[in-house]
Amino acid sequence: MQSFAQSSLVSSGSTINGNTAEVSFSLGQFAYREIEGNSTFIHPGVQQPFQVIPLGAPSISNLQVWIFPNPSLGELYIEFDELAQPALATLFNAQGKFISDYILASKITSIPTSNLSGGVYFLSVTMNSKTQQTFKIIVKS
């Protein structure tokens, strides 16, 4: 069995075991190489876009919100499919301590993260005094 090791820092990953094979994967890696076999190709390190999964109960509204890039290296963007009225984004650290509020008045708003220490944060998006979604954010320093 041939094994390949990753040479980059990743945000998450796992291994899936089957009867005859084992597959390891990671999230957040951007480099890869292709290995050609008889009739197959192996792409160790190929990653899918990082998907941010909202935390908590699903929103009652049909509001679609995207947060990217995650992990963040200086700036985080919040994008709405449509925004009829301003929303509020509240950032908390992993211990639940309030960091800052941001007014979201356009479909895409950037939030600086370069002033934050590396780690895990939570971003709650609120509209009409109701939390719509809360996201887990990773900030790299």
N, C-alpha and C. Protein backbone atom coordinates (compact mmCIF):
# COMPACT_ATOMS: atom_id res chain seq x y z
N MET A 1 0.85 -1.18 0.00
CA MET A 1 0.00 0.00 0.00
C MET A 1 0.89 1.23 0.00
N GLN A 2 0.62 2.14 -0.91
CA GLN A 2 1.39 3.38 -0.99
C GLN A 2 0.68 4.45 -0.15
N SER A 3 1.45 5.24 0.56
CA SER A 3 0.88 6.25 1.44
C SER A 3 1.45 7.61 1.07
N PHE A 4 0.62 8.64 1.20
CA PHE A 4 1.03 10.00 0.89
C PHE A 4 0.76 10.88 2.10
N ALA A 5 1.70 11.72 2.43
CA ALA A 5 1.54 12.61 3.57
C ALA A 5 1.32 14.03 3.08
N GLN A 6 0.53 14.78 3.83
CA GLN A 6 0.26 16.17 3.48
C GLN A 6 1.36 17.05 4.03
N SER A 7 1.64 18.12 3.31
CA SER A 7 2.70 19.02 3.75
C SER A 7 2.18 20.43 3.98
N SER A 8 0.93 20.56 4.38
CA SER A 8 0.38 21.89 4.63
C SER A 8 -0.49 21.86 5.86
N LEU A 9 -0.70 23.02 6.42
CA LEU A 9 -1.57 23.19 7.57
C LEU A 9 -3.01 23.20 7.09
N VAL A 10 -3.85 22.37 7.69
CA VAL A 10 -5.25 22.30 7.28
C VAL A 10 -6.14 22.60 8.47
N SER A 11 -7.40 22.95 8.20
CA SER A 11 -8.30 23.32 9.28
C SER A 11 -9.07 22.14 9.86
N SER A 12 -9.21 21.06 9.11
CA SER A 12 -9.97 19.91 9.59
C SER A 12 -9.70 18.73 8.69
N GLY A 13 -10.10 17.54 9.10
CA GLY A 13 -9.95 16.37 8.27
C GLY A 13 -10.39 15.12 8.98
N SER A 14 -10.32 13.98 8.28
CA SER A 14 -10.75 12.73 8.87
C SER A 14 -10.27 11.59 7.99
N THR A 15 -10.53 10.37 8.43
CA THR A 15 -10.23 9.17 7.67
C THR A 15 -11.49 8.31 7.61
N ILE A 16 -11.78 7.77 6.43
CA ILE A 16 -12.92 6.89 6.24
C ILE A 16 -12.37 5.51 5.91
N ASN A 17 -12.80 4.49 6.66
CA ASN A 17 -12.33 3.13 6.46
C ASN A 17 -13.41 2.29 5.80
N GLY A 18 -13.01 1.49 4.81
CA GLY A 18 -13.92 0.56 4.16
C GLY A 18 -13.37 -0.85 4.30
N ASN A 19 -14.00 -1.81 3.63
CA ASN A 19 -13.54 -3.19 3.71
C ASN A 19 -12.17 -3.39 3.08
N THR A 20 -11.92 -2.69 1.96
CA THR A 20 -10.67 -2.92 1.23
C THR A 20 -9.82 -1.67 1.05
N ALA A 21 -10.28 -0.54 1.57
CA ALA A 21 -9.53 0.70 1.34
C ALA A 21 -9.73 1.66 2.50
N GLU A 22 -8.84 2.64 2.53
CA GLU A 22 -8.91 3.71 3.53
C GLU A 22 -8.66 5.02 2.80
N VAL A 23 -9.49 6.03 3.08
CA VAL A 23 -9.34 7.33 2.44
C VAL A 23 -9.23 8.39 3.52
N SER A 24 -8.18 9.19 3.44
CA SER A 24 -8.03 10.32 4.35
C SER A 24 -8.28 11.60 3.57
N PHE A 25 -8.88 12.59 4.23
CA PHE A 25 -9.14 13.85 3.57
C PHE A 25 -8.94 14.98 4.56
N SER A 26 -8.77 16.17 4.00
CA SER A 26 -8.60 17.35 4.83
C SER A 26 -9.29 18.53 4.18
N LEU A 27 -9.61 19.53 4.99
CA LEU A 27 -10.24 20.75 4.50
C LEU A 27 -9.26 21.89 4.63
N GLY A 28 -9.22 22.75 3.65
CA GLY A 28 -8.40 23.95 3.74
C GLY A 28 -7.08 23.85 3.02
N GLN A 29 -6.73 22.70 2.45
CA GLN A 29 -5.46 22.56 1.73
C GLN A 29 -5.66 23.00 0.29
N PHE A 30 -4.68 23.71 -0.27
CA PHE A 30 -4.84 24.26 -1.60
C PHE A 30 -3.91 23.66 -2.65
N ALA A 31 -2.91 22.89 -2.27
CA ALA A 31 -1.96 22.33 -3.23
C ALA A 31 -2.24 20.84 -3.41
N TYR A 32 -2.00 20.34 -4.62
CA TYR A 32 -2.18 18.93 -4.86
C TYR A 32 -1.29 18.47 -6.00
N ARG A 33 -1.17 17.17 -6.15
CA ARG A 33 -0.46 16.59 -7.27
C ARG A 33 -1.28 15.42 -7.80
N GLU A 34 -1.04 15.05 -9.04
CA GLU A 34 -1.80 13.97 -9.66
C GLU A 34 -0.90 12.75 -9.84
N ILE A 35 -1.41 11.59 -9.45
CA ILE A 35 -0.69 10.34 -9.61
C ILE A 35 -1.52 9.46 -10.53
N GLU A 36 -0.94 9.04 -11.64
CA GLU A 36 -1.67 8.27 -12.64
C GLU A 36 -1.39 6.78 -12.44
N GLY A 37 -2.45 5.98 -12.42
CA GLY A 37 -2.33 4.53 -12.32
C GLY A 37 -2.76 3.90 -13.63
N ASN A 38 -3.09 2.61 -13.61
CA ASN A 38 -3.52 1.89 -14.81
C ASN A 38 -4.72 2.57 -15.47
N SER A 39 -5.79 2.73 -14.72
CA SER A 39 -6.99 3.35 -15.28
C SER A 39 -7.59 4.37 -14.32
N THR A 40 -6.80 4.80 -13.35
CA THR A 40 -7.31 5.75 -12.35
C THR A 40 -6.32 6.88 -12.14
N PHE A 41 -6.82 7.93 -11.55
CA PHE A 41 -5.99 9.06 -11.16
C PHE A 41 -6.21 9.30 -9.67
N ILE A 42 -5.16 9.60 -8.97
CA ILE A 42 -5.26 9.95 -7.55
C ILE A 42 -4.82 11.40 -7.43
N HIS A 43 -5.58 12.16 -6.70
CA HIS A 43 -5.28 13.57 -6.48
C HIS A 43 -5.13 13.81 -4.97
N PRO A 44 -4.00 13.40 -4.37
CA PRO A 44 -3.85 13.67 -2.95
C PRO A 44 -3.80 15.17 -2.70
N GLY A 45 -4.62 15.62 -1.77
CA GLY A 45 -4.64 17.04 -1.44
C GLY A 45 -5.71 17.83 -2.15
N VAL A 46 -6.46 17.25 -3.09
CA VAL A 46 -7.52 18.00 -3.77
C VAL A 46 -8.63 18.27 -2.76
N GLN A 47 -8.99 19.49 -2.64
CA GLN A 47 -9.98 19.86 -1.64
C GLN A 47 -11.19 20.54 -2.28
N GLN A 48 -12.30 20.34 -1.67
CA GLN A 48 -13.51 21.03 -2.08
C GLN A 48 -13.56 22.37 -1.36
N PRO A 49 -14.31 23.34 -1.88
CA PRO A 49 -14.41 24.62 -1.17
C PRO A 49 -14.89 24.41 0.27
N PHE A 50 -14.36 25.18 1.16
CA PHE A 50 -14.72 25.10 2.57
C PHE A 50 -16.17 25.55 2.72
N GLN A 51 -17.00 24.70 3.24
CA GLN A 51 -18.41 25.04 3.42
C GLN A 51 -18.64 25.44 4.86
N VAL A 52 -19.24 26.58 5.07
CA VAL A 52 -19.56 27.04 6.41
C VAL A 52 -20.95 26.52 6.77
N ILE A 53 -21.04 25.82 7.88
CA ILE A 53 -22.31 25.24 8.29
C ILE A 53 -22.87 26.09 9.42
N PRO A 54 -24.08 26.64 9.25
CA PRO A 54 -24.68 27.43 10.32
C PRO A 54 -24.87 26.59 11.57
N LEU A 55 -24.69 27.21 12.72
CA LEU A 55 -24.89 26.54 13.99
C LEU A 55 -26.27 26.84 14.53
N GLY A 56 -26.81 25.98 15.35
CA GLY A 56 -28.09 26.22 16.01
C GLY A 56 -29.27 25.81 15.16
N ALA A 57 -30.44 26.25 15.61
CA ALA A 57 -31.69 25.91 14.93
C ALA A 57 -31.76 26.62 13.58
N PRO A 58 -32.38 25.99 12.59
CA PRO A 58 -32.50 26.64 11.28
C PRO A 58 -33.31 27.92 11.37
N SER A 59 -32.99 28.84 10.52
CA SER A 59 -33.67 30.13 10.48
C SER A 59 -35.10 29.96 9.97
N ILE A 60 -35.98 30.77 10.48
CA ILE A 60 -37.37 30.74 10.03
C ILE A 60 -37.49 31.45 8.68
N SER A 61 -36.66 32.45 8.46
CA SER A 61 -36.71 33.21 7.21
C SER A 61 -36.02 32.45 6.09
N ASN A 62 -36.19 32.94 4.87
CA ASN A 62 -35.52 32.36 3.71
C ASN A 62 -34.24 33.10 3.39
N LEU A 63 -33.72 33.85 4.33
CA LEU A 63 -32.51 34.64 4.14
C LEU A 63 -31.31 33.71 3.90
N GLN A 64 -30.60 33.94 2.80
CA GLN A 64 -29.40 33.17 2.49
C GLN A 64 -28.17 34.03 2.80
N VAL A 65 -27.27 33.50 3.61
CA VAL A 65 -26.08 34.23 4.03
C VAL A 65 -24.86 33.33 3.79
N TRP A 66 -23.81 33.91 3.20
CA TRP A 66 -22.55 33.20 2.99
C TRP A 66 -21.44 33.96 3.68
N ILE A 67 -20.53 33.23 4.30
CA ILE A 67 -19.37 33.80 4.97
C ILE A 67 -18.13 33.21 4.30
N PHE A 68 -17.21 34.05 3.85
CA PHE A 68 -16.00 33.55 3.19
C PHE A 68 -14.90 34.60 3.26
N PRO A 69 -13.62 34.27 3.15
CA PRO A 69 -13.09 32.91 3.22
C PRO A 69 -13.07 32.44 4.66
N ASN A 70 -13.15 31.18 4.85
CA ASN A 70 -13.12 30.61 6.19
C ASN A 70 -12.26 29.36 6.13
N PRO A 71 -11.07 29.37 6.63
CA PRO A 71 -10.45 30.30 7.55
C PRO A 71 -10.13 31.65 6.90
N SER A 72 -10.11 32.68 7.75
CA SER A 72 -9.86 34.05 7.30
C SER A 72 -8.43 34.45 7.60
N LEU A 73 -7.84 35.20 6.66
CA LEU A 73 -6.47 35.70 6.83
C LEU A 73 -6.44 37.21 6.66
N GLY A 74 -7.22 37.95 7.39
CA GLY A 74 -7.18 39.40 7.29
C GLY A 74 -8.52 40.05 7.04
N GLU A 75 -9.36 39.43 6.21
CA GLU A 75 -10.70 39.97 5.95
C GLU A 75 -11.68 38.83 5.79
N LEU A 76 -12.89 39.07 6.27
CA LEU A 76 -13.98 38.11 6.16
C LEU A 76 -15.11 38.81 5.43
N TYR A 77 -15.75 38.13 4.49
CA TYR A 77 -16.84 38.74 3.73
C TYR A 77 -18.15 38.06 4.10
N ILE A 78 -19.19 38.87 4.24
CA ILE A 78 -20.54 38.39 4.48
C ILE A 78 -21.36 38.77 3.27
N GLU A 79 -21.98 37.78 2.64
CA GLU A 79 -22.77 38.04 1.43
C GLU A 79 -24.20 37.52 1.62
N PHE A 80 -25.16 38.33 1.21
CA PHE A 80 -26.57 37.97 1.24
C PHE A 80 -27.06 37.75 -0.19
N ASP A 81 -28.03 36.84 -0.37
CA ASP A 81 -28.63 36.71 -1.70
C ASP A 81 -29.45 37.95 -2.02
N GLU A 82 -30.11 38.49 -1.02
CA GLU A 82 -30.80 39.78 -1.14
C GLU A 82 -30.90 40.37 0.26
N LEU A 83 -30.86 41.67 0.32
CA LEU A 83 -30.89 42.35 1.62
C LEU A 83 -31.82 43.55 1.51
N ALA A 84 -33.05 43.39 1.99
CA ALA A 84 -34.06 44.44 1.89
C ALA A 84 -33.85 45.52 2.95
N GLN A 85 -33.24 45.15 4.06
CA GLN A 85 -32.99 46.10 5.14
C GLN A 85 -31.68 45.76 5.82
N PRO A 86 -31.06 46.71 6.50
CA PRO A 86 -29.78 46.43 7.15
C PRO A 86 -29.89 45.30 8.18
N ALA A 87 -28.81 44.57 8.32
CA ALA A 87 -28.72 43.52 9.33
C ALA A 87 -27.55 43.85 10.25
N LEU A 88 -27.40 43.08 11.29
CA LEU A 88 -26.34 43.30 12.26
C LEU A 88 -25.54 42.00 12.40
N ALA A 89 -24.22 42.11 12.36
CA ALA A 89 -23.35 40.95 12.61
C ALA A 89 -22.63 41.21 13.93
N THR A 90 -22.69 40.25 14.83
CA THR A 90 -22.04 40.37 16.13
C THR A 90 -21.00 39.27 16.24
N LEU A 91 -19.77 39.67 16.56
CA LEU A 91 -18.66 38.74 16.65
C LEU A 91 -18.33 38.46 18.12
N PHE A 92 -18.20 37.16 18.45
CA PHE A 92 -17.85 36.71 19.79
C PHE A 92 -16.62 35.81 19.69
N ASN A 93 -15.79 35.79 20.75
CA ASN A 93 -14.68 34.84 20.74
C ASN A 93 -15.20 33.47 21.19
N ALA A 94 -14.31 32.48 21.25
CA ALA A 94 -14.71 31.11 21.58
C ALA A 94 -15.28 30.98 22.99
N GLN A 95 -14.95 31.92 23.87
CA GLN A 95 -15.47 31.90 25.24
C GLN A 95 -16.81 32.64 25.35
N GLY A 96 -17.29 33.19 24.25
CA GLY A 96 -18.56 33.91 24.27
C GLY A 96 -18.45 35.39 24.59
N LYS A 97 -17.23 35.90 24.67
CA LYS A 97 -17.02 37.32 24.97
C LYS A 97 -17.29 38.15 23.72
N PHE A 98 -18.07 39.22 23.89
CA PHE A 98 -18.39 40.13 22.79
C PHE A 98 -17.12 40.79 22.27
N ILE A 99 -16.95 40.78 20.93
CA ILE A 99 -15.80 41.43 20.31
C ILE A 99 -16.23 42.72 19.62
N SER A 100 -17.24 42.65 18.73
CA SER A 100 -17.65 43.84 17.99
C SER A 100 -18.96 43.60 17.25
N ASP A 101 -19.65 44.71 16.94
CA ASP A 101 -20.84 44.69 16.09
C ASP A 101 -20.49 45.31 14.75
N TYR A 102 -21.13 44.85 13.68
CA TYR A 102 -20.94 45.39 12.34
C TYR A 102 -22.30 45.57 11.69
N ILE A 103 -22.55 46.75 11.13
CA ILE A 103 -23.79 47.01 10.39
C ILE A 103 -23.61 46.46 8.97
N LEU A 104 -24.55 45.64 8.53
CA LEU A 104 -24.52 45.05 7.20
C LEU A 104 -25.59 45.74 6.36
N ALA A 105 -25.17 46.73 5.58
CA ALA A 105 -26.12 47.54 4.82
C ALA A 105 -26.11 47.25 3.33
N SER A 106 -25.20 46.39 2.87
CA SER A 106 -25.15 46.06 1.44
C SER A 106 -25.07 44.54 1.29
N LYS A 107 -25.24 44.05 0.07
CA LYS A 107 -25.26 42.60 -0.16
C LYS A 107 -23.93 41.93 0.21
N ILE A 108 -22.83 42.67 0.07
CA ILE A 108 -21.53 42.14 0.47
C ILE A 108 -20.85 43.16 1.39
N THR A 109 -20.44 42.69 2.55
CA THR A 109 -19.76 43.55 3.53
C THR A 109 -18.48 42.85 3.97
N SER A 110 -17.39 43.61 4.06
CA SER A 110 -16.15 43.02 4.56
C SER A 110 -15.95 43.40 6.02
N ILE A 111 -15.40 42.46 6.75
CA ILE A 111 -15.09 42.67 8.17
C ILE A 111 -13.60 42.40 8.34
N PRO A 112 -12.85 43.35 8.89
CA PRO A 112 -11.41 43.11 9.09
C PRO A 112 -11.19 42.08 10.20
N THR A 113 -10.29 41.14 9.94
CA THR A 113 -9.93 40.16 10.97
C THR A 113 -8.45 40.22 11.30
N SER A 114 -7.71 41.12 10.65
CA SER A 114 -6.27 41.21 10.89
C SER A 114 -5.95 41.66 12.31
N ASN A 115 -6.89 42.33 12.97
CA ASN A 115 -6.67 42.79 14.34
C ASN A 115 -7.03 41.73 15.38
N LEU A 116 -7.51 40.55 14.93
CA LEU A 116 -7.91 39.49 15.84
C LEU A 116 -6.79 38.47 16.00
N SER A 117 -6.69 37.88 17.17
CA SER A 117 -5.75 36.78 17.38
C SER A 117 -6.27 35.55 16.64
N GLY A 118 -5.36 34.71 16.20
CA GLY A 118 -5.77 33.47 15.56
C GLY A 118 -6.61 32.62 16.50
N GLY A 119 -7.65 31.99 15.96
CA GLY A 119 -8.50 31.14 16.79
C GLY A 119 -9.90 31.01 16.23
N VAL A 120 -10.79 30.50 17.07
CA VAL A 120 -12.19 30.27 16.69
C VAL A 120 -13.05 31.41 17.22
N TYR A 121 -13.95 31.89 16.36
CA TYR A 121 -14.89 32.95 16.72
C TYR A 121 -16.29 32.55 16.24
N PHE A 122 -17.30 33.22 16.76
CA PHE A 122 -18.66 32.99 16.33
C PHE A 122 -19.25 34.31 15.85
N LEU A 123 -19.92 34.26 14.70
CA LEU A 123 -20.51 35.45 14.11
C LEU A 123 -22.01 35.22 13.99
N SER A 124 -22.79 36.04 14.70
CA SER A 124 -24.26 35.95 14.64
C SER A 124 -24.79 37.03 13.74
N VAL A 125 -25.64 36.64 12.79
CA VAL A 125 -26.29 37.59 11.89
C VAL A 125 -27.72 37.77 12.37
N THR A 126 -28.06 39.03 12.69
CA THR A 126 -29.37 39.36 13.27
C THR A 126 -30.11 40.32 12.35
N MET A 127 -31.42 40.09 12.21
CA MET A 127 -32.27 40.99 11.44
C MET A 127 -33.60 41.11 12.19
N ASN A 128 -34.10 42.33 12.32
CA ASN A 128 -35.34 42.58 13.06
C ASN A 128 -35.28 42.02 14.49
N SER A 129 -34.12 42.19 15.12
CA SER A 129 -33.88 41.75 16.51
C SER A 129 -33.97 40.23 16.68
N LYS A 130 -33.91 39.47 15.59
CA LYS A 130 -33.94 38.01 15.66
C LYS A 130 -32.67 37.46 15.01
N THR A 131 -31.97 36.57 15.72
CA THR A 131 -30.78 35.94 15.16
C THR A 131 -31.20 35.03 14.02
N GLN A 132 -30.65 35.29 12.83
CA GLN A 132 -30.97 34.49 11.65
C GLN A 132 -30.08 33.27 11.56
N GLN A 133 -28.77 33.47 11.73
CA GLN A 133 -27.81 32.37 11.67
C GLN A 133 -26.59 32.74 12.49
N THR A 134 -25.93 31.72 13.02
CA THR A 134 -24.66 31.90 13.72
C THR A 134 -23.63 31.01 13.04
N PHE A 135 -22.48 31.57 12.73
CA PHE A 135 -21.43 30.86 12.01
C PHE A 135 -20.19 30.71 12.88
N LYS A 136 -19.52 29.57 12.73
CA LYS A 136 -18.23 29.35 13.37
C LYS A 136 -17.17 29.83 12.39
N ILE A 137 -16.33 30.75 12.84
CA ILE A 137 -15.31 31.38 11.99
C ILE A 137 -13.93 31.00 12.53
N ILE A 138 -13.01 30.69 11.64
CA ILE A 138 -11.63 30.42 12.02
C ILE A 138 -10.77 31.57 11.49
N VAL A 139 -10.03 32.21 12.39
CA VAL A 139 -9.13 33.29 12.01
C VAL A 139 -7.71 32.79 12.16
N LYS A 140 -6.94 32.93 11.09
CA LYS A 140 -5.52 32.57 11.13
C LYS A 140 -4.72 33.84 11.26
N SER A 141 -3.68 33.79 12.09
CA SER A 141 -2.85 34.98 12.27
C SER A 141 -1.56 34.86 11.50
